[in-house]
Amino acid sequence: MGAWMRLEIERKFLVAGDGWRAAATSIRPLKDGLVGHFARGKVRVRLDGERAWLTVKGARDGIARAEFEYEIPHADGAAMVDQVCTGNVIEKIRYCVPHDGLTWEVDVFQGSLAGMVLAEVELARADQSFAKPAWLGEEVTGDLRFRQSTLLHLCCEAGRPITMDDV
């Protein structure tokens, strides 16, 4: 175990079609819970099968921010999700989809966000150019409505599953 800090640089998009499915090379269910959200970042716990991580994300600087990630015992992560996390927990299926030298992560949300599909790509530099796959829709990188913390808040506020119309 140990900490891993890096600069996270990512762009986020809506997904406009199912063309990515045939190119997906891996699939994994994820469960994310928000431990805390504050002016300069957030703390999240993530469960993935038999593994768990505690992630601290710093304040955004454009499309970049510091990210510290710690692998923790799965039982601890599960207990945090059940006992500590505020609001709803995000459940999603993540598909890795290679395209033109980059790996896109396509998240198909479940539970209270069922029907929402977002794609993210991590870049080496904020000004890095890349080829957009044909199945990509509108870019929502800077749109606060599509941040996981905002989506969680919307679900809690609504007290029911939310749709794209609610966002």
C-alpha atoms as a PDB file:
ATOM      1  CA  MET A   1       0.000   0.000   0.000  1.00  0.00           C
ATOM      2  CA  GLY A   2       1.029   3.617  -0.111  1.00  0.00           C
ATOM      3  CA  ALA A   3       0.151   6.950  -1.632  1.00  0.00           C
ATOM      4  CA  TRP A   4       0.309   7.820  -5.270  1.00  0.00           C
ATOM      5  CA  MET A   5       0.117  11.497  -6.215  1.00  0.00           C
ATOM      6  CA  ARG A   6      -0.190  12.744  -9.700  1.00  0.00           C
ATOM      7  CA  LEU A   7      -1.665  15.558 -11.653  1.00  0.00           C
ATOM      8  CA  GLU A   8      -5.009  14.448 -13.067  1.00  0.00           C
ATOM      9  CA  ILE A   9      -5.729  16.070 -16.431  1.00  0.00           C
ATOM     10  CA  GLU A  10      -8.981  14.886 -17.964  1.00  0.00           C
ATOM     11  CA  ARG A  11     -11.735  15.871 -20.361  1.00  0.00           C
ATOM     12  CA  LYS A  12     -15.315  14.661 -20.015  1.00  0.00           C
ATOM     13  CA  PHE A  13     -18.003  14.180 -22.675  1.00  0.00           C
ATOM     14  CA  LEU A  14     -21.550  12.971 -23.070  1.00  0.00           C
ATOM     15  CA  VAL A  15     -21.824   9.796 -25.131  1.00  0.00           C
ATOM     16  CA  ALA A  16     -23.901  10.041 -28.297  1.00  0.00           C
ATOM     17  CA  GLY A  17     -24.101   6.412 -29.421  1.00  0.00           C
ATOM     18  CA  ASP A  18     -23.204   2.795 -28.718  1.00  0.00           C
ATOM     19  CA  GLY A  19     -20.274   2.596 -31.155  1.00  0.00           C
ATOM     20  CA  TRP A  20     -17.833   2.338 -28.226  1.00  0.00           C
ATOM     21  CA  ARG A  21     -19.244  -1.010 -27.030  1.00  0.00           C
ATOM     22  CA  ALA A  22     -17.624  -3.109 -29.767  1.00  0.00           C
ATOM     23  CA  ALA A  23     -14.214  -1.568 -29.024  1.00  0.00           C
ATOM     24  CA  ALA A  24     -14.347  -1.991 -25.212  1.00  0.00           C
ATOM     25  CA  THR A  25     -11.432  -4.040 -23.904  1.00  0.00           C
ATOM     26  CA  SER A  26     -12.408  -4.307 -20.237  1.00  0.00           C
ATOM     27  CA  ILE A  27     -15.363  -3.862 -17.967  1.00  0.00           C
ATOM     28  CA  ARG A  28     -15.582  -3.405 -14.204  1.00  0.00           C
ATOM     29  CA  PRO A  29     -18.294  -2.396 -11.739  1.00  0.00           C
ATOM     30  CA  LEU A  30     -17.439   0.561  -9.506  1.00  0.00           C
ATOM     31  CA  LYS A  31     -19.055   2.045  -6.438  1.00  0.00           C
ATOM     32  CA  ASP A  32     -18.043   5.587  -5.408  1.00  0.00           C
ATOM     33  CA  GLY A  33     -18.968   7.247  -2.156  1.00  0.00           C
ATOM     34  CA  LEU A  34     -18.288  10.845  -1.193  1.00  0.00           C
ATOM     35  CA  VAL A  35     -16.520  11.045   2.162  1.00  0.00           C
ATOM     36  CA  GLY A  36     -16.266  14.826   2.095  1.00  0.00           C
ATOM     37  CA  HIS A  37     -16.471  17.791  -0.258  1.00  0.00           C
ATOM     38  CA  PHE A  38     -14.842  21.104   0.519  1.00  0.00           C
ATOM     39  CA  ALA A  39     -13.856  24.318  -1.264  1.00  0.00           C
ATOM     40  CA  ARG A  40     -10.454  23.041  -2.382  1.00  0.00           C
ATOM     41  CA  GLY A  41     -11.338  19.449  -3.280  1.00  0.00           C
ATOM     42  CA  LYS A  42     -12.985  16.236  -2.198  1.00  0.00           C
ATOM     43  CA  VAL A  43     -12.342  12.852  -0.631  1.00  0.00           C
ATOM     44  CA  ARG A  44     -13.875   9.779  -2.248  1.00  0.00           C
ATOM     45  CA  VAL A  45     -13.858   6.063  -1.506  1.00  0.00           C
ATOM     46  CA  ARG A  46     -14.098   3.654  -4.446  1.00  0.00           C
ATOM     47  CA  LEU A  47     -14.893  -0.046  -4.448  1.00  0.00           C
ATOM     48  CA  ASP A  48     -13.901  -2.262  -7.361  1.00  0.00           C
ATOM     49  CA  GLY A  49     -14.564  -5.966  -6.861  1.00  0.00           C
ATOM     50  CA  GLU A  50     -12.115  -7.043  -4.170  1.00  0.00           C
ATOM     51  CA  ARG A  51     -10.145  -3.777  -4.017  1.00  0.00           C
ATOM     52  CA  ALA A  52     -10.807  -0.331  -2.540  1.00  0.00           C
ATOM     53  CA  TRP A  53      -9.177   3.106  -2.712  1.00  0.00           C
ATOM     54  CA  LEU A  54      -9.381   6.352  -0.810  1.00  0.00           C
ATOM     55  CA  THR A  55      -8.792   9.265  -3.178  1.00  0.00           C
ATOM     56  CA  VAL A  56      -8.139  12.881  -2.275  1.00  0.00           C
ATOM     57  CA  LYS A  57      -8.610  15.314  -5.151  1.00  0.00           C
ATOM     58  CA  GLY A  58      -7.376  18.894  -4.919  1.00  0.00           C
ATOM     59  CA  ALA A  59      -8.759  22.135  -6.318  1.00  0.00           C
ATOM     60  CA  ARG A  60      -9.114  22.396 -10.073  1.00  0.00           C
ATOM     61  CA  ASP A  61      -6.761  24.505 -12.141  1.00  0.00           C
ATOM     62  CA  GLY A  62      -8.479  24.474 -15.525  1.00  0.00           C
ATOM     63  CA  ILE A  63      -8.814  20.786 -16.412  1.00  0.00           C
ATOM     64  CA  ALA A  64      -6.047  19.670 -14.031  1.00  0.00           C
ATOM     65  CA  ARG A  65      -5.849  18.949 -10.309  1.00  0.00           C
ATOM     66  CA  ALA A  66      -3.730  17.059  -7.815  1.00  0.00           C
ATOM     67  CA  GLU A  67      -4.873  13.555  -7.000  1.00  0.00           C
ATOM     68  CA  PHE A  68      -3.653  11.391  -4.114  1.00  0.00           C
ATOM     69  CA  GLU A  69      -4.790   7.775  -4.176  1.00  0.00           C
ATOM     70  CA  TYR A  70      -4.381   5.179  -1.428  1.00  0.00           C
ATOM     71  CA  GLU A  71      -5.321   1.526  -1.703  1.00  0.00           C
ATOM     72  CA  ILE A  72      -7.105   0.464   1.479  1.00  0.00           C
ATOM     73  CA  PRO A  73      -8.517  -2.861   2.698  1.00  0.00           C
ATOM     74  CA  HIS A  74     -11.748  -3.680   0.871  1.00  0.00           C
ATOM     75  CA  ALA A  75     -13.593  -4.211   4.163  1.00  0.00           C
ATOM     76  CA  ASP A  76     -12.608  -0.693   5.289  1.00  0.00           C
ATOM     77  CA  GLY A  77     -13.787   0.802   1.986  1.00  0.00           C
ATOM     78  CA  ALA A  78     -17.109  -1.037   2.195  1.00  0.00           C
ATOM     79  CA  ALA A  79     -17.591   0.166   5.783  1.00  0.00           C
ATOM     80  CA  MET A  80     -16.854   3.765   4.710  1.00  0.00           C
ATOM     81  CA  VAL A  81     -19.418   3.547   1.914  1.00  0.00           C
ATOM     82  CA  ASP A  82     -22.034   2.200   4.338  1.00  0.00           C
ATOM     83  CA  GLN A  83     -21.277   4.331   7.397  1.00  0.00           C
ATOM     84  CA  VAL A  84     -19.393   7.490   6.412  1.00  0.00           C
ATOM     85  CA  CYS A  85     -20.265   8.556   2.883  1.00  0.00           C
ATOM     86  CA  THR A  86     -22.664  11.456   2.572  1.00  0.00           C
ATOM     87  CA  GLY A  87     -25.721  11.114   0.365  1.00  0.00           C
ATOM     88  CA  ASN A  88     -26.212   8.488  -2.291  1.00  0.00           C
ATOM     89  CA  VAL A  89     -23.458   6.260  -3.584  1.00  0.00           C
ATOM     90  CA  ILE A  90     -22.700   6.289  -7.292  1.00  0.00           C
ATOM     91  CA  GLU A  91     -22.764   2.901  -8.976  1.00  0.00           C
ATOM     92  CA  LYS A  92     -21.484   2.514 -12.494  1.00  0.00           C
ATOM     93  CA  ILE A  93     -20.022   0.072 -14.949  1.00  0.00           C
ATOM     94  CA  ARG A  94     -16.736   1.321 -16.418  1.00  0.00           C
ATOM     95  CA  TYR A  95     -15.626   0.247 -19.860  1.00  0.00           C
ATOM     96  CA  CYS A  96     -12.112   0.938 -21.160  1.00  0.00           C
ATOM     97  CA  VAL A  97     -12.178   1.815 -24.839  1.00  0.00           C
ATOM     98  CA  PRO A  98      -8.934   2.392 -26.744  1.00  0.00           C
ATOM     99  CA  HIS A  99      -9.048   4.981 -29.525  1.00  0.00           C
ATOM    100  CA  ASP A 100      -6.165   6.522 -31.454  1.00  0.00           C
ATOM    101  CA  GLY A 101      -3.510   5.868 -28.814  1.00  0.00           C
ATOM    102  CA  LEU A 102      -5.585   6.886 -25.778  1.00  0.00           C
ATOM    103  CA  THR A 103      -7.827   4.899 -23.460  1.00  0.00           C
ATOM    104  CA  TRP A 104     -11.299   6.327 -22.953  1.00  0.00           C
ATOM    105  CA  GLU A 105     -13.263   5.390 -19.841  1.00  0.00           C
ATOM    106  CA  VAL A 106     -16.969   5.097 -20.577  1.00  0.00           C
ATOM    107  CA  ASP A 107     -19.102   5.082 -17.436  1.00  0.00           C
ATOM    108  CA  VAL A 108     -22.601   3.620 -17.671  1.00  0.00           C
ATOM    109  CA  PHE A 109     -24.326   4.715 -14.481  1.00  0.00           C
ATOM    110  CA  GLN A 110     -26.627   2.434 -12.500  1.00  0.00           C
ATOM    111  CA  GLY A 111     -29.076   2.957  -9.643  1.00  0.00           C
ATOM    112  CA  SER A 112     -30.226   6.538  -9.089  1.00  0.00           C
ATOM    113  CA  LEU A 113     -28.299   7.728 -12.179  1.00  0.00           C
ATOM    114  CA  ALA A 114     -29.336   4.878 -14.509  1.00  0.00           C
ATOM    115  CA  GLY A 115     -29.402   5.949 -18.135  1.00  0.00           C
ATOM    116  CA  MET A 116     -26.552   8.454 -17.867  1.00  0.00           C
ATOM    117  CA  VAL A 117     -23.436   7.635 -19.897  1.00  0.00           C
ATOM    118  CA  LEU A 118     -20.273   9.750 -19.734  1.00  0.00           C
ATOM    119  CA  ALA A 119     -16.836   9.306 -21.282  1.00  0.00           C
ATOM    120  CA  GLU A 120     -13.544  10.631 -19.916  1.00  0.00           C
ATOM    121  CA  VAL A 121     -10.041  10.654 -21.283  1.00  0.00           C
ATOM    122  CA  GLU A 122      -6.927  11.373 -19.241  1.00  0.00           C
ATOM    123  CA  LEU A 123      -4.252  13.428 -20.946  1.00  0.00           C
ATOM    124  CA  ALA A 124      -0.550  14.013 -20.363  1.00  0.00           C
ATOM    125  CA  ARG A 125      -0.904  17.783 -20.877  1.00  0.00           C
ATOM    126  CA  ALA A 126      -3.798  20.229 -20.713  1.00  0.00           C
ATOM    127  CA  ASP A 127      -3.119  21.363 -24.290  1.00  0.00           C
ATOM    128  CA  GLN A 128      -2.766  17.834 -25.692  1.00  0.00           C
ATOM    129  CA  SER A 129      -4.690  17.302 -28.921  1.00  0.00           C
ATOM    130  CA  PHE A 130      -6.554  14.054 -29.538  1.00  0.00           C
ATOM    131  CA  ALA A 131      -8.872  12.454 -32.055  1.00  0.00           C
ATOM    132  CA  LYS A 132     -12.475  12.297 -30.888  1.00  0.00           C
ATOM    133  CA  PRO A 133     -14.285   8.999 -31.447  1.00  0.00           C
ATOM    134  CA  ALA A 134     -17.448   9.141 -33.575  1.00  0.00           C
ATOM    135  CA  TRP A 135     -19.593   8.067 -30.600  1.00  0.00           C
ATOM    136  CA  LEU A 136     -18.599  11.107 -28.534  1.00  0.00           C
ATOM    137  CA  GLY A 137     -21.183  13.789 -27.827  1.00  0.00           C
ATOM    138  CA  GLU A 138     -20.994  17.260 -26.290  1.00  0.00           C
ATOM    139  CA  GLU A 139     -18.010  18.120 -24.097  1.00  0.00           C
ATOM    140  CA  VAL A 140     -18.999  18.742 -20.469  1.00  0.00           C
ATOM    141  CA  THR A 141     -15.536  19.096 -18.896  1.00  0.00           C
ATOM    142  CA  GLY A 142     -16.229  22.489 -17.336  1.00  0.00           C
ATOM    143  CA  ASP A 143     -19.942  21.925 -16.755  1.00  0.00           C
ATOM    144  CA  LEU A 144     -20.527  21.693 -13.004  1.00  0.00           C
ATOM    145  CA  ARG A 145     -23.751  19.739 -13.577  1.00  0.00           C
ATOM    146  CA  PHE A 146     -21.789  16.647 -14.646  1.00  0.00           C
ATOM    147  CA  ARG A 147     -19.386  16.411 -11.709  1.00  0.00           C
ATOM    148  CA  GLN A 148     -20.018  13.348  -9.569  1.00  0.00           C
ATOM    149  CA  SER A 149     -20.439  15.444  -6.424  1.00  0.00           C
ATOM    150  CA  THR A 150     -23.144  17.512  -8.160  1.00  0.00           C
ATOM    151  CA  LEU A 151     -24.908  14.402  -9.448  1.00  0.00           C
ATOM    152  CA  LEU A 152     -24.874  12.909  -5.942  1.00  0.00           C
ATOM    153  CA  HIS A 153     -26.319  16.130  -4.532  1.00  0.00           C
ATOM    154  CA  LEU A 154     -29.082  16.136  -7.170  1.00  0.00           C
ATOM    155  CA  CYS A 155     -30.057  12.571  -6.298  1.00  0.00           C
ATOM    156  CA  CYS A 156     -30.226  13.398  -2.586  1.00  0.00           C
ATOM    157  CA  GLU A 157     -32.227  16.551  -3.234  1.00  0.00           C
ATOM    158  CA  ALA A 158     -34.693  14.838  -5.557  1.00  0.00           C
ATOM    159  CA  GLY A 159     -35.096  11.761  -3.356  1.00  0.00           C
ATOM    160  CA  ARG A 160     -35.485   9.697  -6.506  1.00  0.00           C
ATOM    161  CA  PRO A 161     -33.481   8.577  -9.524  1.00  0.00           C
ATOM    162  CA  ILE A 162     -32.589  11.456 -11.830  1.00  0.00           C
ATOM    163  CA  THR A 163     -32.499  11.628 -15.596  1.00  0.00           C
ATOM    164  CA  MET A 164     -30.634  13.767 -18.122  1.00  0.00           C
ATOM    165  CA  ASP A 165     -33.669  16.083 -18.089  1.00  0.00           C
ATOM    166  CA  ASP A 166     -33.055  16.745 -14.376  1.00  0.00           C
ATOM    167  CA  VAL A 167     -29.437  17.675 -14.987  1.00  0.00           C
END
